[in-house]
Every structure is written in structure tokens, then in C-alpha cells.
Amino acid sequence: MTTSPIINNNSITIFVGPGTDISELTPEFTLTPGATINPLSGTERNFNTPQVYCYSCRWCLEENVYHIRYRHGTCHEL
């Protein structure tokens, strides 16, 4: 990663280095105990378009939907 991710409400942009193939990424992450997410950590996704992750937990009133995008470069290039 070339810079910190940008988190804006339910939209997350993650930056990767030039030449990174974002068409077959398998993001891995750890959830808070009691939380669930779909798709699961380690699921291969094509991030040429933003991908949707649905997160829920036992203390949440409703399911949260996050749009995850990978971009080449840094936030300074936006």
C-alpha cells in the first residue's frame, strides 16, 4: 500500500502500487468477535470496479454495506 486508506462513511478506498493487478485480489482482514461479513476474508474479488461487503454484528441494529475500491497511486494524486 502506498498511503493510508480513505474512509468516507461506507466507502473505503485503498491505494496500491503501480502495476498491482487488482483484478484478482484476496483481501484478508480480522473482524471483531461476534461480527460477520459477506464475502468472507480471503475471498478473491475483481476490484476493477468497487466491490460490496456486507457487515453485521450482534450489537448492530442493521446490516452495514461498504463499497471497497482499490486504486493505483496515492491520495495525493486524486
PDB file of N, CA and C in Angstrom:
ATOM      1  N   MET A   1       0.845  -1.161   0.000  1.00  0.00           N
ATOM      2  CA  MET A   1       0.000   0.000   0.000  1.00  0.00           C
ATOM      3  C   MET A   1       0.894   1.229   0.000  1.00  0.00           C
ATOM      4  N   THR A   2       0.512   2.238  -0.767  1.00  0.00           N
ATOM      5  CA  THR A   2       1.361   3.405  -0.900  1.00  0.00           C
ATOM      6  C   THR A   2       0.940   4.561  -0.002  1.00  0.00           C
ATOM      7  N   THR A   3      -0.216   4.508   0.609  1.00  0.00           N
ATOM      8  CA  THR A   3      -0.691   5.542   1.523  1.00  0.00           C
ATOM      9  C   THR A   3      -1.820   4.963   2.361  1.00  0.00           C
ATOM     10  N   SER A   4      -2.249   5.690   3.364  1.00  0.00           N
ATOM     11  CA  SER A   4      -3.344   5.221   4.205  1.00  0.00           C
ATOM     12  C   SER A   4      -4.642   5.202   3.406  1.00  0.00           C
ATOM     13  N   PRO A   5      -5.536   4.272   3.726  1.00  0.00           N
ATOM     14  CA  PRO A   5      -6.823   4.242   3.024  1.00  0.00           C
ATOM     15  C   PRO A   5      -7.656   5.477   3.355  1.00  0.00           C
ATOM     16  N   ILE A   6      -8.567   5.808   2.476  1.00  0.00           N
ATOM     17  CA  ILE A   6      -9.522   6.878   2.717  1.00  0.00           C
ATOM     18  C   ILE A   6     -10.852   6.226   3.077  1.00  0.00           C
ATOM     19  N   ILE A   7     -11.381   6.570   4.245  1.00  0.00           N
ATOM     20  CA  ILE A   7     -12.661   6.027   4.701  1.00  0.00           C
ATOM     21  C   ILE A   7     -13.638   7.183   4.788  1.00  0.00           C
ATOM     22  N   ASN A   8     -14.725   7.078   4.036  1.00  0.00           N
ATOM     23  CA  ASN A   8     -15.739   8.121   3.985  1.00  0.00           C
ATOM     24  C   ASN A   8     -17.099   7.466   4.115  1.00  0.00           C
ATOM     25  N   ASN A   9     -17.650   7.492   5.335  1.00  0.00           N
ATOM     26  CA  ASN A   9     -18.903   6.804   5.628  1.00  0.00           C
ATOM     27  C   ASN A   9     -18.764   5.324   5.276  1.00  0.00           C
ATOM     28  N   ASN A  10     -19.504   4.855   4.286  1.00  0.00           N
ATOM     29  CA  ASN A  10     -19.469   3.435   3.923  1.00  0.00           C
ATOM     30  C   ASN A  10     -18.678   3.192   2.646  1.00  0.00           C
ATOM     31  N   SER A  11     -17.774   4.096   2.323  1.00  0.00           N
ATOM     32  CA  SER A  11     -16.920   3.954   1.150  1.00  0.00           C
ATOM     33  C   SER A  11     -15.463   3.935   1.608  1.00  0.00           C
ATOM     34  N   ILE A  12     -14.712   2.934   1.151  1.00  0.00           N
ATOM     35  CA  ILE A  12     -13.311   2.801   1.532  1.00  0.00           C
ATOM     36  C   ILE A  12     -12.473   2.682   0.261  1.00  0.00           C
ATOM     37  N   THR A  13     -11.463   3.546   0.142  1.00  0.00           N
ATOM     38  CA  THR A  13     -10.535   3.487  -0.986  1.00  0.00           C
ATOM     39  C   THR A  13      -9.168   3.091  -0.450  1.00  0.00           C
ATOM     40  N   ILE A  14      -8.611   2.030  -1.017  1.00  0.00           N
ATOM     41  CA  ILE A  14      -7.312   1.500  -0.615  1.00  0.00           C
ATOM     42  C   ILE A  14      -6.358   1.686  -1.783  1.00  0.00           C
ATOM     43  N   PHE A  15      -5.174   2.230  -1.510  1.00  0.00           N
ATOM     44  CA  PHE A  15      -4.215   2.523  -2.564  1.00  0.00           C
ATOM     45  C   PHE A  15      -3.155   1.431  -2.661  1.00  0.00           C
ATOM     46  N   VAL A  16      -2.813   1.081  -3.890  1.00  0.00           N
ATOM     47  CA  VAL A  16      -1.796   0.059  -4.152  1.00  0.00           C
ATOM     48  C   VAL A  16      -0.762   0.630  -5.120  1.00  0.00           C
ATOM     49  N   GLY A  17       0.381  -0.010  -5.174  1.00  0.00           N
ATOM     50  CA  GLY A  17       1.460   0.446  -6.032  1.00  0.00           C
ATOM     51  C   GLY A  17       1.166   0.241  -7.507  1.00  0.00           C
ATOM     52  N   PRO A  18       1.876   0.986  -8.354  1.00  0.00           N
ATOM     53  CA  PRO A  18       1.713   0.835  -9.800  1.00  0.00           C
ATOM     54  C   PRO A  18       1.983  -0.601 -10.224  1.00  0.00           C
ATOM     55  N   GLY A  19       1.205  -1.080 -11.171  1.00  0.00           N
ATOM     56  CA  GLY A  19       1.396  -2.422 -11.696  1.00  0.00           C
ATOM     57  C   GLY A  19       0.716  -3.516 -10.894  1.00  0.00           C
ATOM     58  N   THR A  20       0.116  -3.184  -9.757  1.00  0.00           N
ATOM     59  CA  THR A  20      -0.596  -4.188  -8.963  1.00  0.00           C
ATOM     60  C   THR A  20      -1.835  -4.642  -9.724  1.00  0.00           C
ATOM     61  N   ASP A  21      -1.992  -5.944  -9.879  1.00  0.00           N
ATOM     62  CA  ASP A  21      -3.164  -6.493 -10.560  1.00  0.00           C
ATOM     63  C   ASP A  21      -4.326  -6.508  -9.575  1.00  0.00           C
ATOM     64  N   ILE A  22      -5.274  -5.588  -9.764  1.00  0.00           N
ATOM     65  CA  ILE A  22      -6.414  -5.514  -8.849  1.00  0.00           C
ATOM     66  C   ILE A  22      -7.590  -6.358  -9.316  1.00  0.00           C
ATOM     67  N   SER A  23      -7.391  -7.146 -10.371  1.00  0.00           N
ATOM     68  CA  SER A  23      -8.492  -7.975 -10.885  1.00  0.00           C
ATOM     69  C   SER A  23      -8.620  -9.305 -10.143  1.00  0.00           C
ATOM     70  N   GLU A  24      -7.634  -9.663  -9.328  1.00  0.00           N
ATOM     71  CA  GLU A  24      -7.687 -10.938  -8.610  1.00  0.00           C
ATOM     72  C   GLU A  24      -7.127 -10.787  -7.199  1.00  0.00           C
ATOM     73  N   LEU A  25      -7.625  -9.822  -6.451  1.00  0.00           N
ATOM     74  CA  LEU A  25      -7.145  -9.618  -5.085  1.00  0.00           C
ATOM     75  C   LEU A  25      -7.924 -10.492  -4.103  1.00  0.00           C
ATOM     76  N   THR A  26      -7.238 -10.922  -3.063  1.00  0.00           N
ATOM     77  CA  THR A  26      -7.876 -11.705  -2.000  1.00  0.00           C
ATOM     78  C   THR A  26      -7.616 -11.004  -0.667  1.00  0.00           C
ATOM     79  N   PRO A  27      -8.387  -9.941  -0.388  1.00  0.00           N
ATOM     80  CA  PRO A  27      -8.170  -9.203   0.852  1.00  0.00           C
ATOM     81  C   PRO A  27      -8.382 -10.088   2.083  1.00  0.00           C
ATOM     82  N   GLU A  28      -7.507  -9.926   3.063  1.00  0.00           N
ATOM     83  CA  GLU A  28      -7.646 -10.657   4.321  1.00  0.00           C
ATOM     84  C   GLU A  28      -7.765  -9.651   5.451  1.00  0.00           C
ATOM     85  N   PHE A  29      -8.694  -9.894   6.348  1.00  0.00           N
ATOM     86  CA  PHE A  29      -8.948  -8.976   7.446  1.00  0.00           C
ATOM     87  C   PHE A  29      -9.489  -9.749   8.632  1.00  0.00           C
ATOM     88  N   THR A  30      -9.436  -9.115   9.790  1.00  0.00           N
ATOM     89  CA  THR A  30      -9.923  -9.709  11.030  1.00  0.00           C
ATOM     90  C   THR A  30     -11.104  -8.895  11.522  1.00  0.00           C
ATOM     91  N   LEU A  31     -12.150  -9.584  11.920  1.00  0.00           N
ATOM     92  CA  LEU A  31     -13.345  -8.912  12.430  1.00  0.00           C
ATOM     93  C   LEU A  31     -13.392  -8.951  13.948  1.00  0.00           C
ATOM     94  N   THR A  32     -14.145  -8.048  14.515  1.00  0.00           N
ATOM     95  CA  THR A  32     -14.426  -8.050  15.934  1.00  0.00           C
ATOM     96  C   THR A  32     -15.205  -9.322  16.264  1.00  0.00           C
ATOM     97  N   PRO A  33     -14.918  -9.977  17.391  1.00  0.00           N
ATOM     98  CA  PRO A  33     -15.695 -11.165  17.765  1.00  0.00           C
ATOM     99  C   PRO A  33     -17.199 -10.859  17.757  1.00  0.00           C
ATOM    100  N   GLY A  34     -17.973 -11.759  17.171  1.00  0.00           N
ATOM    101  CA  GLY A  34     -19.412 -11.582  17.071  1.00  0.00           C
ATOM    102  C   GLY A  34     -19.866 -10.924  15.786  1.00  0.00           C
ATOM    103  N   ALA A  35     -18.922 -10.480  14.958  1.00  0.00           N
ATOM    104  CA  ALA A  35     -19.258  -9.834  13.689  1.00  0.00           C
ATOM    105  C   ALA A  35     -19.160 -10.839  12.549  1.00  0.00           C
ATOM    106  N   THR A  36     -19.909 -10.579  11.486  1.00  0.00           N
ATOM    107  CA  THR A  36     -19.850 -11.397  10.276  1.00  0.00           C
ATOM    108  C   THR A  36     -19.755 -10.469   9.071  1.00  0.00           C
ATOM    109  N   ILE A  37     -19.218 -11.022   7.981  1.00  0.00           N
ATOM    110  CA  ILE A  37     -19.091 -10.239   6.752  1.00  0.00           C
ATOM    111  C   ILE A  37     -19.276 -11.176   5.558  1.00  0.00           C
ATOM    112  N   ASN A  38     -19.822 -10.610   4.499  1.00  0.00           N
ATOM    113  CA  ASN A  38     -20.010 -11.352   3.262  1.00  0.00           C
ATOM    114  C   ASN A  38     -19.575 -10.444   2.113  1.00  0.00           C
ATOM    115  N   PRO A  39     -18.616 -10.875   1.304  1.00  0.00           N
ATOM    116  CA  PRO A  39     -17.922 -12.158   1.290  1.00  0.00           C
ATOM    117  C   PRO A  39     -16.901 -12.244   2.433  1.00  0.00           C
ATOM    118  N   LEU A  40     -16.465 -13.455   2.689  1.00  0.00           N
ATOM    119  CA  LEU A  40     -15.529 -13.732   3.774  1.00  0.00           C
ATOM    120  C   LEU A  40     -14.128 -13.215   3.474  1.00  0.00           C
ATOM    121  N   SER A  41     -13.348 -13.026   4.511  1.00  0.00           N
ATOM    122  CA  SER A  41     -11.936 -12.683   4.373  1.00  0.00           C
ATOM    123  C   SER A  41     -11.241 -13.728   3.518  1.00  0.00           C
ATOM    124  N   GLY A  42     -10.393 -13.282   2.595  1.00  0.00           N
ATOM    125  CA  GLY A  42      -9.654 -14.203   1.736  1.00  0.00           C
ATOM    126  C   GLY A  42     -10.378 -14.595   0.472  1.00  0.00           C
ATOM    127  N   THR A  43     -11.573 -14.045   0.239  1.00  0.00           N
ATOM    128  CA  THR A  43     -12.327 -14.330  -0.983  1.00  0.00           C
ATOM    129  C   THR A  43     -11.762 -13.507  -2.136  1.00  0.00           C
ATOM    130  N   GLU A  44     -11.432 -14.171  -3.239  1.00  0.00           N
ATOM    131  CA  GLU A  44     -10.893 -13.455  -4.399  1.00  0.00           C
ATOM    132  C   GLU A  44     -11.975 -12.590  -5.024  1.00  0.00           C
ATOM    133  N   ARG A  45     -11.606 -11.325  -5.306  1.00  0.00           N
ATOM    134  CA  ARG A  45     -12.544 -10.371  -5.915  1.00  0.00           C
ATOM    135  C   ARG A  45     -11.843  -9.593  -7.015  1.00  0.00           C
ATOM    136  N   ASN A  46     -12.617  -9.114  -7.975  1.00  0.00           N
ATOM    137  CA  ASN A  46     -12.117  -8.264  -9.047  1.00  0.00           C
ATOM    138  C   ASN A  46     -12.409  -6.812  -8.678  1.00  0.00           C
ATOM    139  N   PHE A  47     -11.388  -6.072  -8.296  1.00  0.00           N
ATOM    140  CA  PHE A  47     -11.553  -4.694  -7.860  1.00  0.00           C
ATOM    141  C   PHE A  47     -11.375  -3.680  -8.987  1.00  0.00           C
ATOM    142  N   ASN A  48     -11.521  -4.119 -10.251  1.00  0.00           N
ATOM    143  CA  ASN A  48     -11.560  -3.151 -11.342  1.00  0.00           C
ATOM    144  C   ASN A  48     -12.803  -2.283 -11.220  1.00  0.00           C
ATOM    145  N   THR A  49     -13.804  -2.778 -10.504  1.00  0.00           N
ATOM    146  CA  THR A  49     -14.973  -1.989 -10.121  1.00  0.00           C
ATOM    147  C   THR A  49     -15.113  -2.110  -8.606  1.00  0.00           C
ATOM    148  N   PRO A  50     -15.706  -1.111  -7.944  1.00  0.00           N
ATOM    149  CA  PRO A  50     -15.870  -1.203  -6.492  1.00  0.00           C
ATOM    150  C   PRO A  50     -16.643  -2.473  -6.108  1.00  0.00           C
ATOM    151  N   GLN A  51     -16.247  -3.077  -5.004  1.00  0.00           N
ATOM    152  CA  GLN A  51     -16.879  -4.304  -4.523  1.00  0.00           C
ATOM    153  C   GLN A  51     -17.658  -4.010  -3.243  1.00  0.00           C
ATOM    154  N   VAL A  52     -18.743  -4.739  -3.057  1.00  0.00           N
ATOM    155  CA  VAL A  52     -19.625  -4.534  -1.911  1.00  0.00           C
ATOM    156  C   VAL A  52     -19.347  -5.601  -0.861  1.00  0.00           C
ATOM    157  N   TYR A  53     -19.207  -5.167   0.381  1.00  0.00           N
ATOM    158  CA  TYR A  53     -19.073  -6.059   1.531  1.00  0.00           C
ATOM    159  C   TYR A  53     -20.200  -5.730   2.503  1.00  0.00           C
ATOM    160  N   CYS A  54     -20.898  -6.753   2.980  1.00  0.00           N
ATOM    161  CA  CYS A  54     -21.996  -6.579   3.930  1.00  0.00           C
ATOM    162  C   CYS A  54     -21.538  -7.061   5.301  1.00  0.00           C
ATOM    163  N   TYR A  55     -21.583  -6.153   6.274  1.00  0.00           N
ATOM    164  CA  TYR A  55     -21.071  -6.398   7.618  1.00  0.00           C
ATOM    165  C   TYR A  55     -22.224  -6.340   8.608  1.00  0.00           C
ATOM    166  N   SER A  56     -22.260  -7.287   9.522  1.00  0.00           N
ATOM    167  CA  SER A  56     -23.255  -7.227  10.591  1.00  0.00           C
ATOM    168  C   SER A  56     -22.635  -7.753  11.879  1.00  0.00           C
ATOM    169  N   CYS A  57     -23.252  -7.398  12.973  1.00  0.00           N
ATOM    170  CA  CYS A  57     -22.778  -7.842  14.276  1.00  0.00           C
ATOM    171  C   CYS A  57     -23.967  -7.918  15.222  1.00  0.00           C
ATOM    172  N   ARG A  58     -23.790  -8.594  16.307  1.00  0.00           N
ATOM    173  CA  ARG A  58     -24.918  -8.820  17.217  1.00  0.00           C
ATOM    174  C   ARG A  58     -25.385  -7.534  17.883  1.00  0.00           C
ATOM    175  N   TRP A  59     -24.555  -6.508  17.941  1.00  0.00           N
ATOM    176  CA  TRP A  59     -24.955  -5.258  18.584  1.00  0.00           C
ATOM    177  C   TRP A  59     -25.385  -4.192  17.574  1.00  0.00           C
ATOM    178  N   CYS A  60     -25.315  -4.504  16.271  1.00  0.00           N
ATOM    179  CA  CYS A  60     -25.752  -3.571  15.233  1.00  0.00           C
ATOM    180  C   CYS A  60     -27.262  -3.656  15.062  1.00  0.00           C
ATOM    181  N   LEU A  61     -27.888  -2.532  14.806  1.00  0.00           N
ATOM    182  CA  LEU A  61     -29.328  -2.531  14.577  1.00  0.00           C
ATOM    183  C   LEU A  61     -29.677  -3.004  13.177  1.00  0.00           C
ATOM    184  N   GLU A  62     -28.756  -2.837  12.248  1.00  0.00           N
ATOM    185  CA  GLU A  62     -28.987  -3.272  10.874  1.00  0.00           C
ATOM    186  C   GLU A  62     -27.662  -3.617  10.214  1.00  0.00           C
ATOM    187  N   GLU A  63     -27.750  -4.290   9.081  1.00  0.00           N
ATOM    188  CA  GLU A  63     -26.553  -4.648   8.328  1.00  0.00           C
ATOM    189  C   GLU A  63     -25.937  -3.393   7.707  1.00  0.00           C
ATOM    190  N   ASN A  64     -24.627  -3.315   7.704  1.00  0.00           N
ATOM    191  CA  ASN A  64     -23.907  -2.202   7.080  1.00  0.00           C
ATOM    192  C   ASN A  64     -23.312  -2.669   5.763  1.00  0.00           C
ATOM    193  N   VAL A  65     -23.436  -1.842   4.743  1.00  0.00           N
ATOM    194  CA  VAL A  65     -22.905  -2.158   3.421  1.00  0.00           C
ATOM    195  C   VAL A  65     -21.744  -1.207   3.139  1.00  0.00           C
ATOM    196  N   TYR A  66     -20.593  -1.783   2.775  1.00  0.00           N
ATOM    197  CA  TYR A  66     -19.406  -0.999   2.469  1.00  0.00           C
ATOM    198  C   TYR A  66     -19.014  -1.208   1.018  1.00  0.00           C
ATOM    199  N   HIS A  67     -18.641  -0.119   0.357  1.00  0.00           N
ATOM    200  CA  HIS A  67     -18.151  -0.166  -1.022  1.00  0.00           C
ATOM    201  C   HIS A  67     -16.643   0.015  -0.959  1.00  0.00           C
ATOM    202  N   ILE A  68     -15.932  -1.022  -1.383  1.00  0.00           N
ATOM    203  CA  ILE A  68     -14.473  -1.038  -1.299  1.00  0.00           C
ATOM    204  C   ILE A  68     -13.892  -0.874  -2.699  1.00  0.00           C
ATOM    205  N   ARG A  69     -12.947   0.054  -2.818  1.00  0.00           N
ATOM    206  CA  ARG A  69     -12.300   0.318  -4.100  1.00  0.00           C
ATOM    207  C   ARG A  69     -10.792   0.289  -3.897  1.00  0.00           C
ATOM    208  N   TYR A  70     -10.088  -0.302  -4.836  1.00  0.00           N
ATOM    209  CA  TYR A  70      -8.620  -0.237  -4.870  1.00  0.00           C
ATOM    210  C   TYR A  70      -8.228   0.692  -6.005  1.00  0.00           C
ATOM    211  N   ARG A  71      -7.250   1.564  -5.744  1.00  0.00           N
ATOM    212  CA  ARG A  71      -6.749   2.483  -6.769  1.00  0.00           C
ATOM    213  C   ARG A  71      -5.233   2.431  -6.780  1.00  0.00           C
ATOM    214  N   HIS A  72      -4.676   2.621  -7.966  1.00  0.00           N
ATOM    215  CA  HIS A  72      -3.223   2.720  -8.099  1.00  0.00           C
ATOM    216  C   HIS A  72      -2.801   4.134  -7.727  1.00  0.00           C
ATOM    217  N   GLY A  73      -1.673   4.285  -7.037  1.00  0.00           N
ATOM    218  CA  GLY A  73      -1.133   5.595  -6.703  1.00  0.00           C
ATOM    219  C   GLY A  73      -1.373   5.956  -5.263  1.00  0.00           C
ATOM    220  N   THR A  74      -1.493   7.268  -5.006  1.00  0.00           N
ATOM    221  CA  THR A  74      -1.680   7.780  -3.652  1.00  0.00           C
ATOM    222  C   THR A  74      -2.844   8.746  -3.620  1.00  0.00           C
ATOM    223  N   CYS A  75      -3.296   9.074  -2.421  1.00  0.00           N
ATOM    224  CA  CYS A  75      -4.397  10.037  -2.292  1.00  0.00           C
ATOM    225  C   CYS A  75      -3.972  11.419  -2.788  1.00  0.00           C
ATOM    226  N   HIS A  76      -2.683  11.697  -2.833  1.00  0.00           N
ATOM    227  CA  HIS A  76      -2.195  12.996  -3.292  1.00  0.00           C
ATOM    228  C   HIS A  76      -2.364  13.145  -4.806  1.00  0.00           C
ATOM    229  N   GLU A  77      -2.642  12.029  -5.498  1.00  0.00           N
ATOM    230  CA  GLU A  77      -2.800  12.071  -6.946  1.00  0.00           C
ATOM    231  C   GLU A  77      -4.255  12.203  -7.349  1.00  0.00           C
ATOM    232  N   LEU A  78      -5.187  12.237  -6.388  1.00  0.00           N
ATOM    233  CA  LEU A  78      -6.620  12.335  -6.704  1.00  0.00           C
ATOM    234  C   LEU A  78      -6.968  13.720  -7.199  1.00  0.00           C
TER     235      LEU A  78
END
